[in-house]
Amino acid sequence: MIIPWVRIQWISDEKGYGLFAIQDIPKGTLTFVQDGLDIVIPEEDLNSINPSLKEYVEKYSYEDFLGNRIVSWDLGKYMNHDDEANTLSTGYGFELAVRDIKKGEEVTDDYRIFSTHHDTENWHVQTSQKELIPEFPADLEEMWDQKVQNAISSIFKVEQPLKDFVDSDVWKRVKRVSENQEEYLPVRNAFPLRYHLHLGNLKS
C-alpha cells in the first residue's frame, strides 16, 4: 500500500504518470508496505501470462526477496525511478522517506534495489544460469544504507499511516535498531534471493 498522502499526475509522454505529495512527508515516514491486496506472481508463472498482460507486469511490477513479481493494487505502481530517490526500499520489507519531501514534490524510488528486470544500466553480473542479477559498487550500497539508517532514527518521531501494515515483530525490531539495541539490517537484504545465493552474502 502506498502512503495516502500522494496523488497521481501526468508528467510527459516519455515518463508517463508519477506520484506527487499532497502534503509534506517527513523523513522517516513509511511510504510503501506490501499488503494482502497486492497481486503476487511467482517467477515460474511469468511465462504463462497473456502477452498483453505480461507487458503490463514487466512495466509496473517490482521483485520481492523470493523473486516473485508484485503488482500493487493501488497507486504504488506509478512511483517513478530516480538515482537520487527521496524514498528507498529497506531490508525490513517497507520503503520510507529518506529525507523530507515537500508538498507538490514528486515521490520517487530507486528501482535498482528491488528489481532485476527493469533497466538499471550497467549494475548487473551474468550468472552461470545465464541470468542477470544486480551487482553494485560498495559505495552505492553504503550510500543507500547511510540514508536508510539516518531515516530510521526518525521513524518513531513522525506520524505513520502505514504502521498497521507492518508485521508487529518487524516493527519491534526496527524500534530496537532505532534505539541502537540491535544491529541494522542492510538494504541488500531486499535484493532478490538469487543475488544472495550467487554471492553467498545473505545476512539475517
N, C-alpha and C. Protein backbone atom coordinates (compact mmCIF):
# COMPACT_ATOMS: atom_id res chain seq x y z
N MET A 1 0.84 -1.19 0.00
CA MET A 1 0.00 0.00 0.00
C MET A 1 0.88 1.24 0.00
N ILE A 2 0.55 2.17 -0.87
CA ILE A 2 1.27 3.42 -0.93
C ILE A 2 0.72 4.37 0.13
N ILE A 3 1.54 5.25 0.64
CA ILE A 3 1.09 6.23 1.62
C ILE A 3 -0.07 7.05 1.02
N PRO A 4 -1.11 7.34 1.79
CA PRO A 4 -2.26 8.06 1.23
C PRO A 4 -1.99 9.54 0.94
N TRP A 5 -0.82 10.02 1.25
CA TRP A 5 -0.51 11.43 1.09
C TRP A 5 0.06 11.75 -0.30
N VAL A 6 -0.36 11.01 -1.32
CA VAL A 6 0.12 11.26 -2.68
C VAL A 6 -1.06 11.29 -3.66
N ARG A 7 -0.83 11.88 -4.82
CA ARG A 7 -1.81 11.86 -5.90
C ARG A 7 -1.08 11.51 -7.19
N ILE A 8 -1.81 11.00 -8.16
CA ILE A 8 -1.22 10.66 -9.44
C ILE A 8 -1.32 11.86 -10.37
N GLN A 9 -0.29 12.07 -11.17
CA GLN A 9 -0.26 13.21 -12.09
C GLN A 9 0.51 12.83 -13.35
N TRP A 10 -0.02 13.24 -14.51
CA TRP A 10 0.67 13.02 -15.77
C TRP A 10 1.89 13.94 -15.84
N ILE A 11 3.05 13.37 -16.26
CA ILE A 11 4.28 14.16 -16.34
C ILE A 11 4.64 14.46 -17.79
N SER A 12 4.79 13.42 -18.61
CA SER A 12 5.16 13.60 -20.01
C SER A 12 4.94 12.30 -20.76
N ASP A 13 4.99 12.36 -22.10
CA ASP A 13 4.86 11.15 -22.90
C ASP A 13 6.02 10.19 -22.61
N GLU A 14 7.18 10.73 -22.35
CA GLU A 14 8.36 9.90 -22.09
C GLU A 14 8.29 9.23 -20.73
N LYS A 15 7.86 9.97 -19.71
CA LYS A 15 7.88 9.47 -18.34
C LYS A 15 6.54 8.89 -17.90
N GLY A 16 5.45 9.35 -18.50
CA GLY A 16 4.13 8.85 -18.11
C GLY A 16 3.63 9.52 -16.84
N TYR A 17 2.98 8.72 -15.99
CA TYR A 17 2.44 9.24 -14.73
C TYR A 17 3.49 9.19 -13.63
N GLY A 18 3.25 9.97 -12.60
CA GLY A 18 4.09 9.94 -11.42
C GLY A 18 3.25 10.24 -10.20
N LEU A 19 3.83 10.06 -9.02
CA LEU A 19 3.15 10.35 -7.77
C LEU A 19 3.72 11.60 -7.14
N PHE A 20 2.83 12.46 -6.64
CA PHE A 20 3.24 13.73 -6.07
C PHE A 20 2.63 13.90 -4.68
N ALA A 21 3.41 14.44 -3.77
CA ALA A 21 2.97 14.62 -2.39
C ALA A 21 1.87 15.67 -2.30
N ILE A 22 0.79 15.36 -1.60
CA ILE A 22 -0.28 16.32 -1.40
C ILE A 22 -0.12 17.04 -0.06
N GLN A 23 0.89 16.66 0.69
CA GLN A 23 1.26 17.34 1.92
C GLN A 23 2.72 17.00 2.20
N ASP A 24 3.33 17.71 3.10
CA ASP A 24 4.71 17.41 3.45
C ASP A 24 4.80 15.99 4.01
N ILE A 25 5.83 15.25 3.58
CA ILE A 25 6.09 13.90 4.08
C ILE A 25 7.44 13.93 4.78
N PRO A 26 7.46 13.88 6.11
CA PRO A 26 8.73 14.00 6.84
C PRO A 26 9.65 12.80 6.64
N LYS A 27 10.93 13.06 6.76
CA LYS A 27 11.91 11.97 6.73
C LYS A 27 11.56 10.93 7.79
N GLY A 28 11.66 9.65 7.42
CA GLY A 28 11.34 8.57 8.34
C GLY A 28 9.93 8.04 8.20
N THR A 29 9.11 8.69 7.37
CA THR A 29 7.74 8.22 7.15
C THR A 29 7.73 7.01 6.22
N LEU A 30 7.04 5.94 6.62
CA LEU A 30 6.88 4.79 5.73
C LEU A 30 6.04 5.22 4.53
N THR A 31 6.53 4.93 3.33
CA THR A 31 5.83 5.36 2.12
C THR A 31 5.20 4.21 1.35
N PHE A 32 5.65 2.99 1.59
CA PHE A 32 5.05 1.82 0.93
C PHE A 32 5.28 0.58 1.76
N VAL A 33 4.22 -0.22 1.89
CA VAL A 33 4.29 -1.53 2.54
C VAL A 33 3.43 -2.49 1.72
N GLN A 34 3.97 -3.65 1.39
CA GLN A 34 3.17 -4.63 0.66
C GLN A 34 2.02 -5.10 1.55
N ASP A 35 0.81 -5.19 0.95
CA ASP A 35 -0.33 -5.66 1.73
C ASP A 35 -1.03 -6.83 1.03
N GLY A 36 -2.08 -7.34 1.64
CA GLY A 36 -2.74 -8.54 1.17
C GLY A 36 -3.50 -8.40 -0.14
N LEU A 37 -3.71 -7.18 -0.61
CA LEU A 37 -4.42 -6.98 -1.86
C LEU A 37 -3.48 -6.91 -3.07
N ASP A 38 -2.20 -6.78 -2.83
CA ASP A 38 -1.25 -6.74 -3.95
C ASP A 38 -1.24 -8.07 -4.68
N ILE A 39 -1.04 -8.02 -5.99
CA ILE A 39 -1.01 -9.22 -6.82
C ILE A 39 0.39 -9.82 -6.79
N VAL A 40 0.49 -11.07 -6.38
CA VAL A 40 1.78 -11.77 -6.28
C VAL A 40 1.86 -12.82 -7.39
N ILE A 41 2.85 -12.68 -8.27
CA ILE A 41 3.02 -13.60 -9.39
C ILE A 41 4.35 -14.35 -9.22
N PRO A 42 4.29 -15.65 -8.92
CA PRO A 42 5.53 -16.42 -8.77
C PRO A 42 6.36 -16.38 -10.06
N GLU A 43 7.65 -16.40 -9.92
CA GLU A 43 8.55 -16.30 -11.07
C GLU A 43 8.25 -17.38 -12.11
N GLU A 44 7.91 -18.60 -11.65
CA GLU A 44 7.67 -19.70 -12.58
C GLU A 44 6.38 -19.53 -13.38
N ASP A 45 5.53 -18.60 -12.98
CA ASP A 45 4.26 -18.38 -13.68
C ASP A 45 4.34 -17.26 -14.72
N LEU A 46 5.46 -16.58 -14.80
CA LEU A 46 5.56 -15.43 -15.69
C LEU A 46 5.32 -15.79 -17.15
N ASN A 47 5.88 -16.91 -17.58
CA ASN A 47 5.78 -17.28 -19.00
C ASN A 47 4.38 -17.72 -19.42
N SER A 48 3.51 -18.00 -18.46
CA SER A 48 2.15 -18.44 -18.79
C SER A 48 1.15 -17.28 -18.83
N ILE A 49 1.65 -16.07 -18.55
CA ILE A 49 0.77 -14.90 -18.56
C ILE A 49 0.50 -14.46 -19.99
N ASN A 50 -0.73 -14.05 -20.26
CA ASN A 50 -1.09 -13.50 -21.56
C ASN A 50 -0.08 -12.41 -21.95
N PRO A 51 0.45 -12.46 -23.18
CA PRO A 51 1.48 -11.49 -23.60
C PRO A 51 1.09 -10.04 -23.37
N SER A 52 -0.17 -9.70 -23.59
CA SER A 52 -0.61 -8.32 -23.37
C SER A 52 -0.53 -7.94 -21.90
N LEU A 53 -0.87 -8.88 -21.02
CA LEU A 53 -0.78 -8.63 -19.59
C LEU A 53 0.66 -8.67 -19.11
N LYS A 54 1.49 -9.50 -19.74
CA LYS A 54 2.88 -9.61 -19.33
C LYS A 54 3.62 -8.29 -19.52
N GLU A 55 3.28 -7.58 -20.58
CA GLU A 55 3.88 -6.26 -20.81
C GLU A 55 3.57 -5.32 -19.65
N TYR A 56 2.34 -5.40 -19.17
CA TYR A 56 1.92 -4.59 -18.04
C TYR A 56 2.69 -4.99 -16.78
N VAL A 57 2.83 -6.29 -16.58
CA VAL A 57 3.55 -6.79 -15.41
C VAL A 57 5.01 -6.33 -15.45
N GLU A 58 5.64 -6.43 -16.62
CA GLU A 58 7.04 -6.02 -16.74
C GLU A 58 7.21 -4.54 -16.41
N LYS A 59 6.24 -3.74 -16.78
CA LYS A 59 6.34 -2.30 -16.58
C LYS A 59 6.04 -1.87 -15.15
N TYR A 60 5.03 -2.51 -14.54
CA TYR A 60 4.54 -2.00 -13.27
C TYR A 60 4.88 -2.85 -12.04
N SER A 61 5.53 -3.98 -12.22
CA SER A 61 5.80 -4.82 -11.07
C SER A 61 7.19 -4.53 -10.48
N TYR A 62 7.34 -4.95 -9.23
CA TYR A 62 8.67 -4.99 -8.63
C TYR A 62 8.92 -6.42 -8.17
N GLU A 63 10.14 -6.71 -7.81
CA GLU A 63 10.54 -8.08 -7.48
C GLU A 63 10.81 -8.17 -5.99
N ASP A 64 10.18 -9.14 -5.32
CA ASP A 64 10.42 -9.28 -3.89
C ASP A 64 11.64 -10.17 -3.66
N PHE A 65 11.93 -10.40 -2.39
CA PHE A 65 13.11 -11.17 -2.00
C PHE A 65 13.15 -12.56 -2.62
N LEU A 66 11.98 -13.19 -2.78
CA LEU A 66 11.91 -14.56 -3.30
C LEU A 66 11.85 -14.62 -4.82
N GLY A 67 11.84 -13.45 -5.47
CA GLY A 67 11.79 -13.43 -6.93
C GLY A 67 10.38 -13.33 -7.50
N ASN A 68 9.37 -13.26 -6.61
CA ASN A 68 8.01 -13.05 -7.08
C ASN A 68 7.87 -11.65 -7.67
N ARG A 69 7.00 -11.51 -8.67
CA ARG A 69 6.66 -10.18 -9.17
C ARG A 69 5.44 -9.68 -8.42
N ILE A 70 5.51 -8.47 -7.93
CA ILE A 70 4.42 -7.87 -7.17
C ILE A 70 3.87 -6.69 -7.95
N VAL A 71 2.56 -6.73 -8.22
CA VAL A 71 1.89 -5.61 -8.87
C VAL A 71 0.99 -4.96 -7.83
N SER A 72 1.26 -3.72 -7.49
CA SER A 72 0.47 -3.02 -6.48
C SER A 72 -0.95 -2.79 -6.97
N TRP A 73 -1.91 -2.97 -6.09
CA TRP A 73 -3.31 -2.79 -6.45
C TRP A 73 -3.69 -1.31 -6.47
N ASP A 74 -2.89 -0.47 -5.80
CA ASP A 74 -3.23 0.95 -5.70
C ASP A 74 -2.27 1.79 -6.53
N LEU A 75 -2.07 3.04 -6.18
CA LEU A 75 -1.23 3.95 -6.96
C LEU A 75 0.27 3.66 -6.84
N GLY A 76 0.65 2.75 -5.97
CA GLY A 76 2.06 2.47 -5.76
C GLY A 76 2.82 2.14 -7.03
N LYS A 77 2.14 1.52 -7.99
CA LYS A 77 2.81 1.09 -9.22
C LYS A 77 3.22 2.27 -10.10
N TYR A 78 2.74 3.46 -9.80
CA TYR A 78 3.07 4.62 -10.62
C TYR A 78 4.26 5.42 -10.07
N MET A 79 4.90 4.93 -9.02
CA MET A 79 6.07 5.64 -8.49
C MET A 79 7.25 5.46 -9.45
N ASN A 80 7.88 6.54 -9.81
CA ASN A 80 8.98 6.52 -10.77
C ASN A 80 10.34 6.34 -10.11
N HIS A 81 11.28 5.91 -10.95
CA HIS A 81 12.66 5.73 -10.51
C HIS A 81 13.43 7.04 -10.54
N ASP A 82 14.38 7.16 -9.61
CA ASP A 82 15.33 8.27 -9.61
C ASP A 82 16.60 7.78 -8.92
N ASP A 83 17.75 8.05 -9.53
CA ASP A 83 19.01 7.65 -8.90
C ASP A 83 19.23 8.37 -7.58
N GLU A 84 18.58 9.52 -7.41
CA GLU A 84 18.65 10.27 -6.16
C GLU A 84 17.27 10.29 -5.52
N ALA A 85 16.66 9.12 -5.42
CA ALA A 85 15.28 9.00 -4.95
C ALA A 85 15.11 9.54 -3.53
N ASN A 86 13.90 10.05 -3.26
CA ASN A 86 13.64 10.56 -1.91
C ASN A 86 13.01 9.50 -1.00
N THR A 87 12.72 8.30 -1.54
CA THR A 87 12.34 7.16 -0.72
C THR A 87 13.22 5.98 -1.13
N LEU A 88 13.42 5.03 -0.23
CA LEU A 88 14.24 3.85 -0.53
C LEU A 88 13.63 2.60 0.09
N SER A 89 13.81 1.48 -0.59
CA SER A 89 13.47 0.19 -0.01
C SER A 89 14.46 -0.14 1.09
N THR A 90 14.02 -0.93 2.05
CA THR A 90 14.86 -1.29 3.17
C THR A 90 14.95 -2.80 3.33
N GLY A 91 15.81 -3.26 4.20
CA GLY A 91 15.92 -4.68 4.49
C GLY A 91 14.81 -5.19 5.37
N TYR A 92 13.85 -4.32 5.71
CA TYR A 92 12.76 -4.69 6.61
C TYR A 92 11.42 -4.87 5.91
N GLY A 93 11.42 -4.80 4.58
CA GLY A 93 10.21 -5.07 3.82
C GLY A 93 9.29 -3.89 3.62
N PHE A 94 9.77 -2.69 3.91
CA PHE A 94 8.99 -1.50 3.62
C PHE A 94 9.90 -0.43 3.03
N GLU A 95 9.27 0.60 2.47
CA GLU A 95 10.02 1.74 1.95
C GLU A 95 9.74 2.94 2.84
N LEU A 96 10.70 3.85 2.89
CA LEU A 96 10.50 5.03 3.72
C LEU A 96 11.16 6.25 3.11
N ALA A 97 10.66 7.42 3.52
CA ALA A 97 11.23 8.67 3.04
C ALA A 97 12.59 8.87 3.70
N VAL A 98 13.63 9.07 2.87
CA VAL A 98 14.97 9.22 3.41
C VAL A 98 15.37 10.70 3.56
N ARG A 99 14.45 11.56 3.23
CA ARG A 99 14.59 13.00 3.51
C ARG A 99 13.20 13.59 3.52
N ASP A 100 13.09 14.82 3.98
CA ASP A 100 11.79 15.50 3.96
C ASP A 100 11.35 15.70 2.52
N ILE A 101 10.10 15.37 2.23
CA ILE A 101 9.52 15.55 0.90
C ILE A 101 8.47 16.64 1.01
N LYS A 102 8.62 17.68 0.22
CA LYS A 102 7.72 18.82 0.30
C LYS A 102 6.43 18.58 -0.48
N LYS A 103 5.36 19.22 -0.05
CA LYS A 103 4.09 19.17 -0.76
C LYS A 103 4.30 19.61 -2.21
N GLY A 104 3.77 18.84 -3.17
CA GLY A 104 3.91 19.15 -4.59
C GLY A 104 5.13 18.51 -5.24
N GLU A 105 6.02 17.91 -4.45
CA GLU A 105 7.22 17.27 -4.98
C GLU A 105 6.91 15.85 -5.43
N GLU A 106 7.55 15.41 -6.51
CA GLU A 106 7.37 14.03 -6.95
C GLU A 106 8.01 13.08 -5.94
N VAL A 107 7.31 11.99 -5.62
CA VAL A 107 7.82 10.96 -4.72
C VAL A 107 8.43 9.86 -5.58
N THR A 108 9.71 9.58 -5.39
CA THR A 108 10.43 8.65 -6.25
C THR A 108 11.11 7.55 -5.44
N ASP A 109 11.50 6.50 -6.15
CA ASP A 109 12.16 5.35 -5.54
C ASP A 109 13.37 4.98 -6.39
N ASP A 110 14.22 4.13 -5.87
CA ASP A 110 15.38 3.65 -6.63
C ASP A 110 15.13 2.20 -7.02
N TYR A 111 14.75 1.99 -8.28
CA TYR A 111 14.39 0.66 -8.75
C TYR A 111 15.53 -0.35 -8.62
N ARG A 112 16.76 0.13 -8.60
CA ARG A 112 17.90 -0.78 -8.61
C ARG A 112 17.91 -1.71 -7.40
N ILE A 113 17.32 -1.27 -6.30
CA ILE A 113 17.36 -2.06 -5.07
C ILE A 113 16.50 -3.32 -5.16
N PHE A 114 15.32 -3.21 -5.78
CA PHE A 114 14.35 -4.30 -5.69
C PHE A 114 13.96 -4.91 -7.03
N SER A 115 14.73 -4.65 -8.08
CA SER A 115 14.30 -5.15 -9.38
C SER A 115 15.48 -5.56 -10.24
N THR A 116 15.41 -6.78 -10.77
CA THR A 116 16.43 -7.23 -11.71
C THR A 116 15.93 -7.15 -13.15
N HIS A 117 14.64 -6.83 -13.35
CA HIS A 117 14.10 -6.84 -14.70
C HIS A 117 13.95 -5.45 -15.29
N HIS A 118 13.96 -4.41 -14.46
CA HIS A 118 13.95 -3.06 -15.01
C HIS A 118 15.36 -2.70 -15.49
N ASP A 119 15.43 -1.75 -16.40
CA ASP A 119 16.72 -1.29 -16.92
C ASP A 119 17.46 -0.52 -15.85
N THR A 120 18.53 -1.08 -15.33
CA THR A 120 19.33 -0.40 -14.32
C THR A 120 20.76 -0.20 -14.83
N GLU A 121 20.88 0.08 -16.10
CA GLU A 121 22.14 0.41 -16.74
C GLU A 121 23.15 -0.73 -16.59
N ASN A 122 24.30 -0.47 -16.00
CA ASN A 122 25.40 -1.43 -16.01
C ASN A 122 25.54 -2.23 -14.73
N TRP A 123 24.61 -2.06 -13.76
CA TRP A 123 24.79 -2.73 -12.48
C TRP A 123 24.27 -4.15 -12.52
N HIS A 124 24.86 -4.99 -13.35
CA HIS A 124 24.44 -6.39 -13.42
C HIS A 124 25.65 -7.30 -13.61
N VAL A 125 25.51 -8.53 -13.21
CA VAL A 125 26.53 -9.54 -13.45
C VAL A 125 25.83 -10.78 -13.98
N GLN A 126 26.48 -11.45 -14.94
CA GLN A 126 25.90 -12.66 -15.53
C GLN A 126 26.24 -13.87 -14.66
N THR A 127 25.25 -14.69 -14.34
CA THR A 127 25.50 -15.87 -13.53
C THR A 127 25.65 -17.09 -14.44
N SER A 128 26.01 -18.20 -13.83
CA SER A 128 26.19 -19.43 -14.60
C SER A 128 24.86 -19.92 -15.17
N GLN A 129 23.74 -19.44 -14.62
CA GLN A 129 22.43 -19.83 -15.12
C GLN A 129 21.96 -18.89 -16.23
N LYS A 130 22.87 -18.06 -16.73
CA LYS A 130 22.57 -17.14 -17.84
C LYS A 130 21.48 -16.14 -17.48
N GLU A 131 21.48 -15.68 -16.25
CA GLU A 131 20.53 -14.67 -15.84
C GLU A 131 21.28 -13.47 -15.28
N LEU A 132 20.60 -12.33 -15.28
CA LEU A 132 21.21 -11.12 -14.76
C LEU A 132 20.80 -10.91 -13.30
N ILE A 133 21.76 -10.58 -12.47
CA ILE A 133 21.45 -10.22 -11.09
C ILE A 133 22.14 -8.89 -10.81
N PRO A 134 21.64 -8.14 -9.83
CA PRO A 134 22.25 -6.85 -9.55
C PRO A 134 23.63 -7.00 -8.91
N GLU A 135 24.53 -6.14 -9.28
CA GLU A 135 25.84 -6.06 -8.62
C GLU A 135 26.21 -4.58 -8.56
N PHE A 136 26.32 -4.07 -7.36
CA PHE A 136 26.50 -2.64 -7.19
C PHE A 136 27.85 -2.33 -6.56
N PRO A 137 28.41 -1.18 -6.89
CA PRO A 137 29.64 -0.74 -6.23
C PRO A 137 29.39 -0.59 -4.74
N ALA A 138 30.41 -0.87 -3.95
CA ALA A 138 30.26 -0.80 -2.49
C ALA A 138 29.83 0.58 -2.03
N ASP A 139 30.29 1.62 -2.72
CA ASP A 139 29.94 2.97 -2.27
C ASP A 139 28.46 3.28 -2.50
N LEU A 140 27.85 2.63 -3.50
CA LEU A 140 26.42 2.83 -3.75
C LEU A 140 25.60 2.18 -2.65
N GLU A 141 25.94 0.94 -2.30
CA GLU A 141 25.25 0.27 -1.20
C GLU A 141 25.45 1.05 0.10
N GLU A 142 26.66 1.55 0.31
CA GLU A 142 26.95 2.31 1.53
C GLU A 142 26.09 3.57 1.59
N MET A 143 25.91 4.22 0.44
CA MET A 143 25.09 5.43 0.39
C MET A 143 23.64 5.11 0.75
N TRP A 144 23.10 4.00 0.17
CA TRP A 144 21.73 3.61 0.49
C TRP A 144 21.58 3.36 1.98
N ASP A 145 22.52 2.59 2.55
CA ASP A 145 22.42 2.24 3.96
C ASP A 145 22.55 3.46 4.87
N GLN A 146 23.40 4.39 4.51
CA GLN A 146 23.54 5.61 5.32
C GLN A 146 22.23 6.39 5.34
N LYS A 147 21.59 6.50 4.16
CA LYS A 147 20.32 7.23 4.08
C LYS A 147 19.22 6.52 4.86
N VAL A 148 19.14 5.20 4.73
CA VAL A 148 18.09 4.45 5.43
C VAL A 148 18.31 4.50 6.94
N GLN A 149 19.55 4.28 7.38
CA GLN A 149 19.83 4.32 8.81
C GLN A 149 19.50 5.69 9.40
N ASN A 150 19.84 6.73 8.67
CA ASN A 150 19.55 8.08 9.14
C ASN A 150 18.04 8.30 9.25
N ALA A 151 17.29 7.76 8.27
CA ALA A 151 15.83 7.91 8.29
C ALA A 151 15.18 7.08 9.39
N ILE A 152 15.75 5.89 9.69
CA ILE A 152 15.20 5.04 10.75
C ILE A 152 15.24 5.77 12.09
N SER A 153 16.20 6.64 12.28
CA SER A 153 16.29 7.38 13.55
C SER A 153 15.09 8.30 13.75
N SER A 154 14.34 8.57 12.65
CA SER A 154 13.17 9.46 12.74
C SER A 154 11.84 8.72 12.70
N ILE A 155 11.87 7.41 12.48
CA ILE A 155 10.64 6.64 12.27
C ILE A 155 9.64 6.83 13.40
N PHE A 156 10.10 6.82 14.63
CA PHE A 156 9.19 6.87 15.78
C PHE A 156 8.94 8.29 16.27
N LYS A 157 9.33 9.26 15.45
CA LYS A 157 9.11 10.66 15.79
C LYS A 157 8.07 11.31 14.87
N VAL A 158 7.60 10.55 13.86
CA VAL A 158 6.67 11.11 12.88
C VAL A 158 5.42 10.24 12.78
N GLU A 159 4.36 10.81 12.22
CA GLU A 159 3.11 10.06 12.01
C GLU A 159 3.34 8.95 10.99
N GLN A 160 2.76 7.77 11.24
CA GLN A 160 2.96 6.61 10.37
C GLN A 160 1.61 6.01 9.95
N PRO A 161 1.01 6.52 8.87
CA PRO A 161 -0.28 5.97 8.43
C PRO A 161 -0.23 4.53 7.96
N LEU A 162 0.96 4.01 7.66
CA LEU A 162 1.07 2.63 7.17
C LEU A 162 1.56 1.65 8.24
N LYS A 163 1.72 2.09 9.46
CA LYS A 163 2.28 1.26 10.51
C LYS A 163 1.53 -0.06 10.68
N ASP A 164 0.20 -0.04 10.59
CA ASP A 164 -0.59 -1.25 10.83
C ASP A 164 -0.37 -2.33 9.77
N PHE A 165 0.29 -1.98 8.67
CA PHE A 165 0.56 -2.96 7.62
C PHE A 165 1.94 -3.61 7.77
N VAL A 166 2.68 -3.20 8.79
CA VAL A 166 3.99 -3.78 9.06
C VAL A 166 3.84 -4.87 10.12
N ASP A 167 4.45 -6.02 9.89
CA ASP A 167 4.42 -7.11 10.85
C ASP A 167 4.90 -6.60 12.22
N SER A 168 4.20 -6.97 13.27
CA SER A 168 4.49 -6.44 14.61
C SER A 168 5.91 -6.80 15.07
N ASP A 169 6.38 -8.00 14.73
CA ASP A 169 7.74 -8.38 15.13
C ASP A 169 8.78 -7.54 14.38
N VAL A 170 8.50 -7.25 13.11
CA VAL A 170 9.41 -6.39 12.34
C VAL A 170 9.43 -5.00 12.94
N TRP A 171 8.27 -4.49 13.33
CA TRP A 171 8.19 -3.14 13.91
C TRP A 171 8.97 -3.06 15.21
N LYS A 172 8.89 -4.11 16.03
CA LYS A 172 9.67 -4.15 17.28
C LYS A 172 11.16 -4.18 16.98
N ARG A 173 11.51 -4.90 15.93
CA ARG A 173 12.92 -4.99 15.55
C ARG A 173 13.45 -3.63 15.10
N VAL A 174 12.65 -2.93 14.31
CA VAL A 174 13.05 -1.60 13.86
C VAL A 174 13.17 -0.65 15.05
N LYS A 175 12.29 -0.80 16.02
CA LYS A 175 12.35 0.03 17.23
C LYS A 175 13.67 -0.19 17.94
N ARG A 176 14.10 -1.44 18.07
CA ARG A 176 15.38 -1.72 18.73
C ARG A 176 16.55 -1.15 17.94
N VAL A 177 16.45 -1.21 16.61
CA VAL A 177 17.51 -0.64 15.77
C VAL A 177 17.58 0.87 15.99
N SER A 178 16.43 1.52 16.05
CA SER A 178 16.40 2.97 16.23
C SER A 178 16.98 3.39 17.58
N GLU A 179 16.96 2.47 18.54
CA GLU A 179 17.49 2.74 19.87
C GLU A 179 18.89 2.17 20.06
N ASN A 180 19.49 1.72 18.92
CA ASN A 180 20.84 1.15 18.94
C ASN A 180 20.95 -0.07 19.84
N GLN A 181 19.86 -0.83 19.93
CA GLN A 181 19.85 -2.05 20.72
C GLN A 181 19.93 -3.30 19.86
N GLU A 182 19.92 -3.13 18.55
CA GLU A 182 20.01 -4.25 17.62
C GLU A 182 20.76 -3.79 16.38
N GLU A 183 21.50 -4.70 15.77
CA GLU A 183 22.26 -4.36 14.58
C GLU A 183 21.33 -4.09 13.40
N TYR A 184 21.67 -3.07 12.66
CA TYR A 184 20.89 -2.66 11.48
C TYR A 184 20.97 -3.72 10.38
N LEU A 185 19.84 -3.95 9.71
CA LEU A 185 19.75 -4.90 8.59
C LEU A 185 19.95 -4.13 7.29
N PRO A 186 21.00 -4.39 6.53
CA PRO A 186 21.31 -3.58 5.34
C PRO A 186 20.30 -3.72 4.21
N VAL A 187 20.31 -2.72 3.34
CA VAL A 187 19.42 -2.68 2.19
C VAL A 187 19.57 -3.91 1.31
N ARG A 188 20.75 -4.48 1.24
CA ARG A 188 20.96 -5.63 0.35
C ARG A 188 20.06 -6.81 0.71
N ASN A 189 19.50 -6.84 1.92
CA ASN A 189 18.56 -7.90 2.26
C ASN A 189 17.25 -7.80 1.50
N ALA A 190 17.03 -6.68 0.82
CA ALA A 190 15.85 -6.55 -0.04
C ALA A 190 16.12 -7.06 -1.44
N PHE A 191 17.40 -7.34 -1.78
CA PHE A 191 17.73 -7.83 -3.11
C PHE A 191 17.13 -9.22 -3.31
N PRO A 192 16.78 -9.58 -4.54
CA PRO A 192 16.24 -10.92 -4.82
C PRO A 192 17.17 -12.03 -4.33
N LEU A 193 16.56 -13.15 -3.93
CA LEU A 193 17.29 -14.26 -3.34
C LEU A 193 18.42 -14.76 -4.23
N ARG A 194 18.22 -14.74 -5.54
CA ARG A 194 19.25 -15.24 -6.46
C ARG A 194 20.57 -14.47 -6.31
N TYR A 195 20.46 -13.21 -5.94
CA TYR A 195 21.65 -12.38 -5.71
C TYR A 195 22.47 -12.96 -4.56
N HIS A 196 21.79 -13.28 -3.46
CA HIS A 196 22.49 -13.79 -2.28
C HIS A 196 23.02 -15.20 -2.51
N LEU A 197 22.27 -16.02 -3.22
CA LEU A 197 22.73 -17.38 -3.50
C LEU A 197 23.98 -17.35 -4.35
N HIS A 198 24.04 -16.39 -5.28
CA HIS A 198 25.19 -16.29 -6.18
C HIS A 198 26.43 -15.79 -5.44
N LEU A 199 26.25 -14.79 -4.58
CA LEU A 199 27.40 -14.17 -3.92
C LEU A 199 27.64 -14.68 -2.50
N GLY A 200 26.69 -15.44 -1.96
CA GLY A 200 26.86 -16.02 -0.65
C GLY A 200 27.00 -14.99 0.45
N ASN A 201 26.21 -13.90 0.36
CA ASN A 201 26.41 -12.82 1.32
C ASN A 201 25.15 -12.46 2.10
N LEU A 202 24.18 -13.38 2.17
CA LEU A 202 22.94 -13.06 2.86
C LEU A 202 23.17 -12.98 4.36
N LYS A 203 22.63 -11.91 4.94
CA LYS A 203 22.74 -11.72 6.38
C LYS A 203 21.35 -11.61 6.96
N SER A 204 21.04 -12.35 8.02
CA SER A 204 19.70 -12.31 8.61
C SER A 204 19.77 -11.79 10.03
